[in-house]
N, C-alpha and C. Protein backbone atom coordinates (compact mmCIF):
# COMPACT_ATOMS: atom_id res chain seq x y z
N MET A 1 -99.77 -60.47 -36.10
CA MET A 1 -99.86 -60.65 -37.53
C MET A 1 -99.34 -62.05 -37.86
N GLU A 2 -100.04 -62.70 -38.77
CA GLU A 2 -99.69 -64.06 -39.16
C GLU A 2 -99.62 -64.16 -40.68
N TRP A 3 -98.68 -64.92 -41.15
CA TRP A 3 -98.56 -65.19 -42.58
C TRP A 3 -98.92 -66.65 -42.80
N ILE A 4 -99.85 -66.90 -43.69
CA ILE A 4 -100.24 -68.27 -44.01
C ILE A 4 -99.87 -68.53 -45.47
N GLN A 5 -99.02 -69.52 -45.67
CA GLN A 5 -98.66 -69.85 -47.05
C GLN A 5 -99.83 -70.58 -47.70
N ILE A 6 -100.18 -70.11 -48.87
CA ILE A 6 -101.25 -70.74 -49.65
C ILE A 6 -100.57 -71.65 -50.66
N THR A 7 -100.92 -72.93 -50.61
CA THR A 7 -100.22 -73.91 -51.44
C THR A 7 -101.09 -74.47 -52.57
N SER A 8 -102.33 -74.03 -52.65
CA SER A 8 -103.23 -74.56 -53.67
C SER A 8 -104.15 -73.45 -54.19
N PRO A 9 -104.43 -73.47 -55.49
CA PRO A 9 -105.38 -72.47 -56.01
C PRO A 9 -106.80 -72.73 -55.53
N ASP A 10 -107.02 -73.88 -54.88
CA ASP A 10 -108.35 -74.20 -54.34
C ASP A 10 -108.60 -73.56 -52.98
N ASP A 11 -107.58 -72.97 -52.38
CA ASP A 11 -107.73 -72.30 -51.09
C ASP A 11 -108.76 -71.17 -51.23
N PHE A 12 -109.63 -71.04 -50.25
CA PHE A 12 -110.71 -70.04 -50.31
C PHE A 12 -110.21 -68.61 -50.42
N ARG A 13 -108.98 -68.34 -50.01
CA ARG A 13 -108.44 -66.98 -50.06
C ARG A 13 -107.99 -66.55 -51.46
N VAL A 14 -107.76 -67.52 -52.33
CA VAL A 14 -107.19 -67.22 -53.65
C VAL A 14 -108.09 -66.30 -54.47
N LYS A 15 -109.38 -66.51 -54.45
CA LYS A 15 -110.28 -65.67 -55.24
C LYS A 15 -110.21 -64.21 -54.77
N LYS A 16 -110.22 -63.99 -53.46
CA LYS A 16 -110.13 -62.62 -52.94
C LYS A 16 -108.79 -61.99 -53.34
N ILE A 17 -107.72 -62.76 -53.23
CA ILE A 17 -106.40 -62.24 -53.60
C ILE A 17 -106.39 -61.89 -55.09
N TYR A 18 -106.85 -62.80 -55.93
CA TYR A 18 -106.79 -62.53 -57.37
C TYR A 18 -107.72 -61.38 -57.76
N ASP A 19 -108.88 -61.30 -57.16
CA ASP A 19 -109.79 -60.19 -57.47
C ASP A 19 -109.14 -58.85 -57.15
N SER A 20 -108.51 -58.75 -55.99
CA SER A 20 -107.85 -57.50 -55.61
C SER A 20 -106.63 -57.24 -56.50
N TYR A 21 -105.84 -58.27 -56.72
CA TYR A 21 -104.66 -58.20 -57.58
C TYR A 21 -105.02 -57.69 -58.97
N SER A 22 -106.10 -58.23 -59.53
CA SER A 22 -106.46 -57.87 -60.90
C SER A 22 -107.07 -56.48 -61.02
N THR A 23 -107.51 -55.90 -59.92
CA THR A 23 -108.01 -54.52 -59.98
C THR A 23 -106.97 -53.51 -59.49
N SER A 24 -106.02 -53.95 -58.68
CA SER A 24 -105.02 -53.03 -58.12
C SER A 24 -103.82 -52.81 -59.03
N PHE A 25 -103.45 -53.84 -59.78
CA PHE A 25 -102.27 -53.73 -60.64
C PHE A 25 -102.70 -53.57 -62.09
N PRO A 26 -102.02 -52.68 -62.82
CA PRO A 26 -102.36 -52.49 -64.23
C PRO A 26 -102.21 -53.79 -65.03
N GLU A 27 -102.96 -53.89 -66.09
CA GLU A 27 -102.98 -55.08 -66.94
C GLU A 27 -101.59 -55.57 -67.32
N ASP A 28 -100.72 -54.66 -67.71
CA ASP A 28 -99.38 -55.06 -68.15
C ASP A 28 -98.46 -55.47 -67.00
N GLU A 29 -98.88 -55.22 -65.77
CA GLU A 29 -98.04 -55.53 -64.61
C GLU A 29 -98.52 -56.75 -63.84
N ARG A 30 -99.35 -57.57 -64.48
CA ARG A 30 -99.87 -58.73 -63.75
C ARG A 30 -100.13 -59.91 -64.69
N ARG A 31 -100.29 -61.06 -64.05
CA ARG A 31 -100.58 -62.31 -64.74
C ARG A 31 -102.09 -62.46 -64.94
N ASP A 32 -102.46 -63.21 -65.98
CA ASP A 32 -103.88 -63.55 -66.11
C ASP A 32 -104.18 -64.70 -65.14
N TRP A 33 -105.42 -65.08 -65.05
CA TRP A 33 -105.85 -66.10 -64.08
C TRP A 33 -105.05 -67.41 -64.25
N TYR A 34 -104.90 -67.87 -65.46
CA TYR A 34 -104.21 -69.15 -65.70
C TYR A 34 -102.74 -69.08 -65.33
N GLN A 35 -102.11 -67.95 -65.62
CA GLN A 35 -100.72 -67.76 -65.21
C GLN A 35 -100.61 -67.68 -63.69
N PHE A 36 -101.58 -67.02 -63.07
CA PHE A 36 -101.60 -66.88 -61.62
C PHE A 36 -101.72 -68.25 -60.95
N VAL A 37 -102.66 -69.05 -61.41
CA VAL A 37 -102.88 -70.39 -60.85
C VAL A 37 -101.64 -71.26 -61.03
N ALA A 38 -100.94 -71.09 -62.14
CA ALA A 38 -99.73 -71.88 -62.40
C ALA A 38 -98.63 -71.60 -61.37
N LEU A 39 -98.67 -70.44 -60.71
CA LEU A 39 -97.66 -70.12 -59.70
C LEU A 39 -97.63 -71.15 -58.57
N PHE A 40 -98.77 -71.75 -58.28
CA PHE A 40 -98.85 -72.70 -57.17
C PHE A 40 -98.05 -73.98 -57.45
N CYS A 41 -97.69 -74.22 -58.69
CA CYS A 41 -96.89 -75.39 -59.06
C CYS A 41 -95.41 -75.09 -59.15
N HIS A 42 -95.05 -73.82 -59.07
CA HIS A 42 -93.64 -73.45 -59.24
C HIS A 42 -92.89 -73.60 -57.91
N PRO A 43 -91.78 -74.33 -57.91
CA PRO A 43 -91.07 -74.58 -56.64
C PRO A 43 -90.41 -73.36 -56.01
N LYS A 44 -90.20 -72.30 -56.76
CA LYS A 44 -89.53 -71.11 -56.22
C LYS A 44 -90.52 -70.05 -55.71
N VAL A 45 -91.81 -70.27 -55.91
CA VAL A 45 -92.82 -69.28 -55.53
C VAL A 45 -93.47 -69.63 -54.20
N LYS A 46 -93.67 -68.61 -53.39
CA LYS A 46 -94.46 -68.74 -52.17
C LYS A 46 -95.48 -67.61 -52.17
N ILE A 47 -96.72 -67.99 -51.98
CA ILE A 47 -97.81 -67.01 -51.90
C ILE A 47 -98.33 -67.04 -50.47
N PHE A 48 -98.36 -65.87 -49.86
CA PHE A 48 -98.79 -65.76 -48.47
C PHE A 48 -100.01 -64.88 -48.36
N SER A 49 -100.94 -65.31 -47.52
CA SER A 49 -102.04 -64.47 -47.09
C SER A 49 -101.62 -63.89 -45.75
N VAL A 50 -101.83 -62.60 -45.56
CA VAL A 50 -101.47 -61.96 -44.31
C VAL A 50 -102.73 -61.77 -43.49
N ILE A 51 -102.69 -62.26 -42.25
CA ILE A 51 -103.84 -62.25 -41.35
C ILE A 51 -103.54 -61.33 -40.16
N GLU A 52 -104.50 -60.48 -39.85
CA GLU A 52 -104.40 -59.60 -38.68
C GLU A 52 -105.75 -59.62 -37.98
N GLU A 53 -105.75 -60.02 -36.72
CA GLU A 53 -106.98 -60.07 -35.93
C GLU A 53 -108.10 -60.81 -36.69
N ALA A 54 -107.77 -61.99 -37.19
CA ALA A 54 -108.70 -62.90 -37.89
C ALA A 54 -109.19 -62.36 -39.24
N ASN A 55 -108.57 -61.30 -39.75
CA ASN A 55 -108.94 -60.76 -41.06
C ASN A 55 -107.82 -60.99 -42.06
N ASP A 56 -108.21 -61.37 -43.28
CA ASP A 56 -107.24 -61.40 -44.39
C ASP A 56 -107.02 -59.94 -44.77
N VAL A 57 -105.80 -59.44 -44.55
CA VAL A 57 -105.54 -58.01 -44.78
C VAL A 57 -104.67 -57.76 -46.02
N GLY A 58 -104.09 -58.80 -46.58
CA GLY A 58 -103.25 -58.61 -47.75
C GLY A 58 -102.56 -59.89 -48.16
N TYR A 59 -101.61 -59.76 -49.06
CA TYR A 59 -100.90 -60.93 -49.58
C TYR A 59 -99.53 -60.53 -50.12
N LEU A 60 -98.69 -61.52 -50.29
CA LEU A 60 -97.38 -61.36 -50.92
C LEU A 60 -97.16 -62.53 -51.87
N ILE A 61 -96.53 -62.24 -52.99
CA ILE A 61 -96.07 -63.26 -53.91
C ILE A 61 -94.55 -63.13 -53.96
N LEU A 62 -93.86 -64.13 -53.42
CA LEU A 62 -92.41 -64.10 -53.28
C LEU A 62 -91.76 -65.18 -54.13
N TRP A 63 -90.62 -64.86 -54.69
CA TRP A 63 -89.81 -65.81 -55.44
C TRP A 63 -88.50 -65.98 -54.68
N GLU A 64 -88.18 -67.20 -54.31
CA GLU A 64 -86.92 -67.48 -53.63
C GLU A 64 -85.87 -67.78 -54.69
N LEU A 65 -85.08 -66.78 -55.00
CA LEU A 65 -84.06 -66.90 -56.03
C LEU A 65 -82.71 -67.21 -55.40
N LYS A 66 -81.68 -67.27 -56.22
CA LYS A 66 -80.38 -67.77 -55.77
C LYS A 66 -79.82 -67.00 -54.57
N ASN A 67 -79.76 -65.66 -54.66
CA ASN A 67 -79.15 -64.87 -53.60
C ASN A 67 -80.08 -63.85 -52.96
N HIS A 68 -81.35 -63.90 -53.32
CA HIS A 68 -82.28 -62.92 -52.76
C HIS A 68 -83.72 -63.43 -52.92
N VAL A 69 -84.62 -62.72 -52.29
CA VAL A 69 -86.05 -62.95 -52.48
C VAL A 69 -86.56 -61.81 -53.34
N PHE A 70 -87.32 -62.16 -54.35
CA PHE A 70 -87.93 -61.17 -55.22
C PHE A 70 -89.40 -61.07 -54.87
N VAL A 71 -89.86 -59.87 -54.53
CA VAL A 71 -91.27 -59.64 -54.22
C VAL A 71 -91.95 -59.25 -55.53
N GLU A 72 -92.69 -60.18 -56.09
CA GLU A 72 -93.37 -59.89 -57.35
C GLU A 72 -94.58 -58.99 -57.12
N HIS A 73 -95.37 -59.33 -56.11
CA HIS A 73 -96.52 -58.48 -55.78
C HIS A 73 -96.72 -58.48 -54.26
N PHE A 74 -97.14 -57.34 -53.78
CA PHE A 74 -97.41 -57.15 -52.35
C PHE A 74 -98.55 -56.14 -52.27
N GLU A 75 -99.56 -56.48 -51.50
CA GLU A 75 -100.68 -55.56 -51.38
C GLU A 75 -101.36 -55.72 -50.03
N VAL A 76 -101.72 -54.59 -49.46
CA VAL A 76 -102.64 -54.56 -48.32
C VAL A 76 -104.00 -54.22 -48.93
N PHE A 77 -105.00 -55.02 -48.61
CA PHE A 77 -106.33 -54.79 -49.18
C PHE A 77 -106.85 -53.41 -48.81
N THR A 78 -107.61 -52.83 -49.71
CA THR A 78 -108.11 -51.45 -49.58
C THR A 78 -108.71 -51.16 -48.21
N ASP A 79 -109.54 -52.05 -47.69
CA ASP A 79 -110.22 -51.81 -46.40
C ASP A 79 -109.27 -51.74 -45.22
N PHE A 80 -108.02 -52.17 -45.40
CA PHE A 80 -107.08 -52.23 -44.29
C PHE A 80 -105.89 -51.28 -44.45
N ARG A 81 -105.95 -50.43 -45.43
CA ARG A 81 -104.84 -49.50 -45.67
C ARG A 81 -104.85 -48.37 -44.64
N ASN A 82 -103.74 -47.68 -44.52
CA ASN A 82 -103.56 -46.55 -43.60
C ASN A 82 -103.67 -46.96 -42.14
N ARG A 83 -103.25 -48.18 -41.84
CA ARG A 83 -103.23 -48.68 -40.47
C ARG A 83 -101.84 -49.16 -40.06
N ASN A 84 -100.83 -48.80 -40.86
CA ASN A 84 -99.44 -49.20 -40.63
C ASN A 84 -99.20 -50.69 -40.87
N LEU A 85 -100.15 -51.38 -41.47
CA LEU A 85 -99.98 -52.81 -41.72
C LEU A 85 -98.90 -53.07 -42.76
N GLY A 86 -98.80 -52.22 -43.77
CA GLY A 86 -97.78 -52.39 -44.79
C GLY A 86 -96.39 -52.38 -44.19
N SER A 87 -96.12 -51.44 -43.30
CA SER A 87 -94.81 -51.37 -42.65
C SER A 87 -94.57 -52.59 -41.77
N GLN A 88 -95.61 -53.06 -41.10
CA GLN A 88 -95.47 -54.26 -40.27
C GLN A 88 -95.15 -55.49 -41.13
N ILE A 89 -95.81 -55.58 -42.28
CA ILE A 89 -95.55 -56.70 -43.19
C ILE A 89 -94.11 -56.63 -43.70
N VAL A 90 -93.68 -55.45 -44.12
CA VAL A 90 -92.31 -55.29 -44.62
C VAL A 90 -91.31 -55.58 -43.52
N SER A 91 -91.58 -55.16 -42.31
CA SER A 91 -90.68 -55.44 -41.19
C SER A 91 -90.53 -56.96 -40.99
N HIS A 92 -91.63 -57.67 -41.05
CA HIS A 92 -91.59 -59.13 -40.93
C HIS A 92 -90.82 -59.74 -42.10
N LEU A 93 -91.05 -59.22 -43.29
CA LEU A 93 -90.36 -59.70 -44.48
C LEU A 93 -88.85 -59.49 -44.34
N LEU A 94 -88.44 -58.31 -43.88
CA LEU A 94 -87.02 -58.02 -43.70
C LEU A 94 -86.39 -58.90 -42.63
N ALA A 95 -87.14 -59.21 -41.60
CA ALA A 95 -86.62 -60.08 -40.55
C ALA A 95 -86.44 -61.52 -41.05
N SER A 96 -87.26 -61.92 -42.00
CA SER A 96 -87.22 -63.29 -42.53
C SER A 96 -86.26 -63.46 -43.70
N HIS A 97 -86.01 -62.38 -44.43
CA HIS A 97 -85.22 -62.45 -45.65
C HIS A 97 -84.25 -61.27 -45.70
N PRO A 98 -82.95 -61.52 -45.55
CA PRO A 98 -81.99 -60.42 -45.50
C PRO A 98 -81.75 -59.71 -46.83
N ARG A 99 -82.08 -60.35 -47.95
CA ARG A 99 -81.84 -59.75 -49.26
C ARG A 99 -83.14 -59.77 -50.06
N ILE A 100 -83.67 -58.59 -50.30
CA ILE A 100 -84.97 -58.47 -50.97
C ILE A 100 -84.86 -57.48 -52.13
N ILE A 101 -85.48 -57.84 -53.23
CA ILE A 101 -85.56 -56.96 -54.40
C ILE A 101 -87.02 -56.91 -54.82
N LEU A 102 -87.46 -55.73 -55.27
CA LEU A 102 -88.82 -55.57 -55.76
C LEU A 102 -88.88 -54.49 -56.83
N GLU A 103 -89.98 -54.48 -57.57
CA GLU A 103 -90.20 -53.49 -58.62
C GLU A 103 -91.32 -52.54 -58.19
N ILE A 104 -91.19 -51.28 -58.58
CA ILE A 104 -92.28 -50.32 -58.39
C ILE A 104 -92.34 -49.40 -59.61
N GLU A 105 -93.48 -48.74 -59.74
CA GLU A 105 -93.60 -47.73 -60.79
C GLU A 105 -92.73 -46.53 -60.41
N PRO A 106 -92.17 -45.83 -61.39
CA PRO A 106 -91.37 -44.64 -61.08
C PRO A 106 -92.18 -43.63 -60.26
N SER A 107 -91.52 -42.96 -59.34
CA SER A 107 -92.24 -42.07 -58.42
C SER A 107 -92.84 -40.84 -59.10
N ASP A 108 -92.35 -40.50 -60.28
CA ASP A 108 -92.89 -39.32 -60.96
C ASP A 108 -94.12 -39.64 -61.83
N LEU A 109 -94.59 -40.87 -61.78
CA LEU A 109 -95.73 -41.28 -62.60
C LEU A 109 -97.04 -40.65 -62.11
N ASN A 110 -97.28 -40.71 -60.79
CA ASN A 110 -98.49 -40.13 -60.20
C ASN A 110 -98.31 -40.03 -58.68
N GLU A 111 -99.31 -39.52 -58.02
CA GLU A 111 -99.22 -39.33 -56.56
C GLU A 111 -99.10 -40.66 -55.82
N ASN A 112 -99.83 -41.70 -56.27
CA ASN A 112 -99.73 -43.01 -55.63
C ASN A 112 -98.33 -43.60 -55.76
N SER A 113 -97.73 -43.47 -56.94
CA SER A 113 -96.38 -44.02 -57.13
C SER A 113 -95.37 -43.25 -56.27
N LYS A 114 -95.58 -41.94 -56.10
CA LYS A 114 -94.72 -41.13 -55.24
C LYS A 114 -94.82 -41.60 -53.79
N ARG A 115 -96.05 -41.85 -53.31
CA ARG A 115 -96.26 -42.34 -51.95
C ARG A 115 -95.65 -43.73 -51.76
N ARG A 116 -95.79 -44.58 -52.78
CA ARG A 116 -95.27 -45.94 -52.71
C ARG A 116 -93.74 -45.91 -52.58
N PHE A 117 -93.08 -45.08 -53.38
CA PHE A 117 -91.63 -44.97 -53.29
C PHE A 117 -91.21 -44.47 -51.91
N SER A 118 -91.90 -43.48 -51.40
CA SER A 118 -91.61 -42.95 -50.07
C SER A 118 -91.79 -44.04 -49.00
N PHE A 119 -92.86 -44.83 -49.14
CA PHE A 119 -93.12 -45.94 -48.21
C PHE A 119 -91.92 -46.90 -48.18
N TYR A 120 -91.46 -47.30 -49.35
CA TYR A 120 -90.34 -48.25 -49.38
C TYR A 120 -89.05 -47.62 -48.87
N GLN A 121 -88.83 -46.35 -49.15
CA GLN A 121 -87.64 -45.68 -48.61
C GLN A 121 -87.68 -45.67 -47.08
N LYS A 122 -88.84 -45.39 -46.51
CA LYS A 122 -88.98 -45.38 -45.04
C LYS A 122 -88.77 -46.77 -44.45
N ASN A 123 -88.96 -47.79 -45.29
CA ASN A 123 -88.82 -49.17 -44.82
C ASN A 123 -87.52 -49.82 -45.31
N ASN A 124 -86.47 -48.99 -45.45
CA ASN A 124 -85.10 -49.45 -45.70
C ASN A 124 -84.82 -49.99 -47.10
N PHE A 125 -85.57 -49.54 -48.09
CA PHE A 125 -85.28 -49.89 -49.47
C PHE A 125 -84.72 -48.68 -50.18
N HIS A 126 -83.90 -48.95 -51.19
CA HIS A 126 -83.33 -47.86 -51.99
C HIS A 126 -83.37 -48.25 -53.46
N LEU A 127 -83.30 -47.25 -54.29
CA LEU A 127 -83.34 -47.42 -55.74
C LEU A 127 -82.01 -48.01 -56.21
N ILE A 128 -82.09 -49.12 -56.97
CA ILE A 128 -80.87 -49.70 -57.51
C ILE A 128 -80.85 -49.67 -59.05
N ASP A 129 -82.00 -49.41 -59.66
CA ASP A 129 -82.04 -49.30 -61.12
C ASP A 129 -83.29 -48.55 -61.55
N GLU A 130 -83.10 -47.38 -62.13
CA GLU A 130 -84.26 -46.62 -62.61
C GLU A 130 -84.50 -46.80 -64.11
N MET A 131 -83.71 -47.67 -64.74
CA MET A 131 -83.87 -47.96 -66.17
C MET A 131 -84.37 -49.39 -66.39
N TYR A 132 -84.82 -50.02 -65.33
CA TYR A 132 -85.26 -51.41 -65.37
C TYR A 132 -86.53 -51.55 -66.23
N VAL A 133 -86.61 -52.64 -66.97
CA VAL A 133 -87.81 -52.93 -67.74
C VAL A 133 -88.33 -54.31 -67.34
N GLN A 134 -89.56 -54.31 -66.85
CA GLN A 134 -90.22 -55.58 -66.53
C GLN A 134 -90.62 -56.23 -67.85
N PRO A 135 -90.22 -57.48 -68.09
CA PRO A 135 -90.62 -58.15 -69.33
C PRO A 135 -92.14 -58.31 -69.41
N SER A 136 -92.60 -58.52 -70.60
CA SER A 136 -94.03 -58.72 -70.82
C SER A 136 -94.51 -60.00 -70.14
N TYR A 137 -95.71 -59.96 -69.62
CA TYR A 137 -96.34 -61.15 -69.04
C TYR A 137 -97.00 -62.02 -70.11
N GLY A 138 -97.01 -61.60 -71.35
CA GLY A 138 -97.63 -62.42 -72.38
C GLY A 138 -97.77 -61.68 -73.70
N LYS A 139 -98.29 -62.39 -74.69
CA LYS A 139 -98.39 -61.87 -76.05
C LYS A 139 -99.19 -60.58 -76.15
N MET A 140 -100.23 -60.44 -75.40
CA MET A 140 -101.09 -59.25 -75.49
C MET A 140 -100.70 -58.17 -74.49
N LYS A 141 -99.57 -58.35 -73.80
CA LYS A 141 -99.15 -57.38 -72.78
C LYS A 141 -97.82 -56.77 -73.17
N ASN A 142 -97.58 -55.57 -72.65
CA ASN A 142 -96.37 -54.82 -72.97
C ASN A 142 -95.35 -54.90 -71.85
N PRO A 143 -94.05 -54.81 -72.19
CA PRO A 143 -93.04 -54.62 -71.15
C PRO A 143 -93.32 -53.28 -70.46
N VAL A 144 -92.87 -53.13 -69.23
CA VAL A 144 -93.16 -51.93 -68.45
C VAL A 144 -91.87 -51.37 -67.85
N SER A 145 -91.67 -50.07 -68.02
CA SER A 145 -90.53 -49.40 -67.38
C SER A 145 -90.86 -49.20 -65.90
N LEU A 146 -90.04 -49.80 -65.06
CA LEU A 146 -90.24 -49.73 -63.61
C LEU A 146 -88.91 -49.38 -62.95
N TRP A 147 -88.96 -49.19 -61.65
CA TRP A 147 -87.75 -49.03 -60.86
C TRP A 147 -87.53 -50.31 -60.08
N LEU A 148 -86.28 -50.64 -59.88
CA LEU A 148 -85.91 -51.79 -59.08
C LEU A 148 -85.37 -51.27 -57.75
N LEU A 149 -85.93 -51.78 -56.67
CA LEU A 149 -85.52 -51.39 -55.32
C LEU A 149 -84.95 -52.60 -54.58
N SER A 150 -84.13 -52.32 -53.59
CA SER A 150 -83.53 -53.38 -52.80
C SER A 150 -83.23 -52.88 -51.39
N ASN A 151 -83.10 -53.81 -50.47
CA ASN A 151 -82.69 -53.46 -49.11
C ASN A 151 -81.20 -53.74 -48.90
N TYR A 152 -80.49 -54.11 -49.98
CA TYR A 152 -79.05 -54.35 -49.90
C TYR A 152 -78.44 -53.89 -51.22
N HIS A 153 -77.13 -54.00 -51.33
CA HIS A 153 -76.44 -53.59 -52.56
C HIS A 153 -75.96 -54.84 -53.30
N PRO A 154 -76.69 -55.26 -54.34
CA PRO A 154 -76.27 -56.45 -55.08
C PRO A 154 -74.89 -56.27 -55.70
N GLU A 155 -74.08 -57.33 -55.62
CA GLU A 155 -72.73 -57.27 -56.18
C GLU A 155 -72.77 -57.11 -57.70
N ASN A 156 -73.65 -57.83 -58.35
CA ASN A 156 -73.74 -57.76 -59.81
C ASN A 156 -75.20 -57.59 -60.21
N LEU A 157 -75.59 -56.36 -60.44
CA LEU A 157 -76.98 -56.04 -60.73
C LEU A 157 -77.46 -56.73 -62.01
N ASN A 158 -76.60 -56.84 -63.00
CA ASN A 158 -77.01 -57.51 -64.24
C ASN A 158 -77.35 -58.97 -64.02
N ASP A 159 -76.59 -59.66 -63.16
CA ASP A 159 -76.92 -61.06 -62.84
C ASP A 159 -78.26 -61.14 -62.12
N VAL A 160 -78.52 -60.21 -61.23
CA VAL A 160 -79.80 -60.18 -60.51
C VAL A 160 -80.95 -60.00 -61.48
N LYS A 161 -80.82 -59.03 -62.38
CA LYS A 161 -81.89 -58.77 -63.36
C LYS A 161 -82.07 -59.96 -64.30
N ASP A 162 -80.97 -60.56 -64.72
CA ASP A 162 -81.07 -61.74 -65.59
C ASP A 162 -81.82 -62.87 -64.91
N GLU A 163 -81.52 -63.10 -63.64
CA GLU A 163 -82.20 -64.17 -62.92
C GLU A 163 -83.69 -63.87 -62.77
N ILE A 164 -84.04 -62.63 -62.46
CA ILE A 164 -85.45 -62.26 -62.35
C ILE A 164 -86.14 -62.50 -63.69
N HIS A 165 -85.55 -62.03 -64.76
CA HIS A 165 -86.15 -62.20 -66.09
C HIS A 165 -86.28 -63.68 -66.46
N ASP A 166 -85.23 -64.47 -66.20
CA ASP A 166 -85.22 -65.88 -66.60
C ASP A 166 -86.16 -66.74 -65.76
N VAL A 167 -86.26 -66.46 -64.48
CA VAL A 167 -87.05 -67.32 -63.59
C VAL A 167 -88.48 -66.80 -63.42
N VAL A 168 -88.63 -65.55 -63.11
CA VAL A 168 -89.96 -65.00 -62.80
C VAL A 168 -90.80 -64.79 -64.05
N TYR A 169 -90.19 -64.29 -65.11
CA TYR A 169 -90.95 -63.91 -66.29
C TYR A 169 -90.84 -64.91 -67.44
N HIS A 170 -90.16 -66.00 -67.24
CA HIS A 170 -89.96 -66.97 -68.32
C HIS A 170 -91.19 -67.85 -68.47
């Protein structure tokens, strides 16, 4: 498995990533095209295409914050799911970054959210805030009640949430 950092919105992989991103994540949980393209100019963001056996199998959008990495979005493309690739990607992520925080939908929302929570639990993440609210991505979008997960125990959860809100959603 290989991770290739994408540094320009002109990269041929960006359209496939955005097309999947815009159909996989609900409207209120994602950026529009112009906001997405702007990520490539932000110094704290890294966007990776994940390659397995010469296939683009997924992507990650990571924010390198003060004391942790925030996973804004992570997806294995539909055609490559149920092959243990998600766990392999998370394993690589954990080996590269000792402190990781991410958001997910509450597990009681639907069967997919229940499976997603179970997936992260199996991959060494735990719930650190079930009252977390993701700020709105824009004027026509709503804030979203999500859960915050982590692979470590943050010393000051409020500082972590403030930094995510100020840097990622500002």
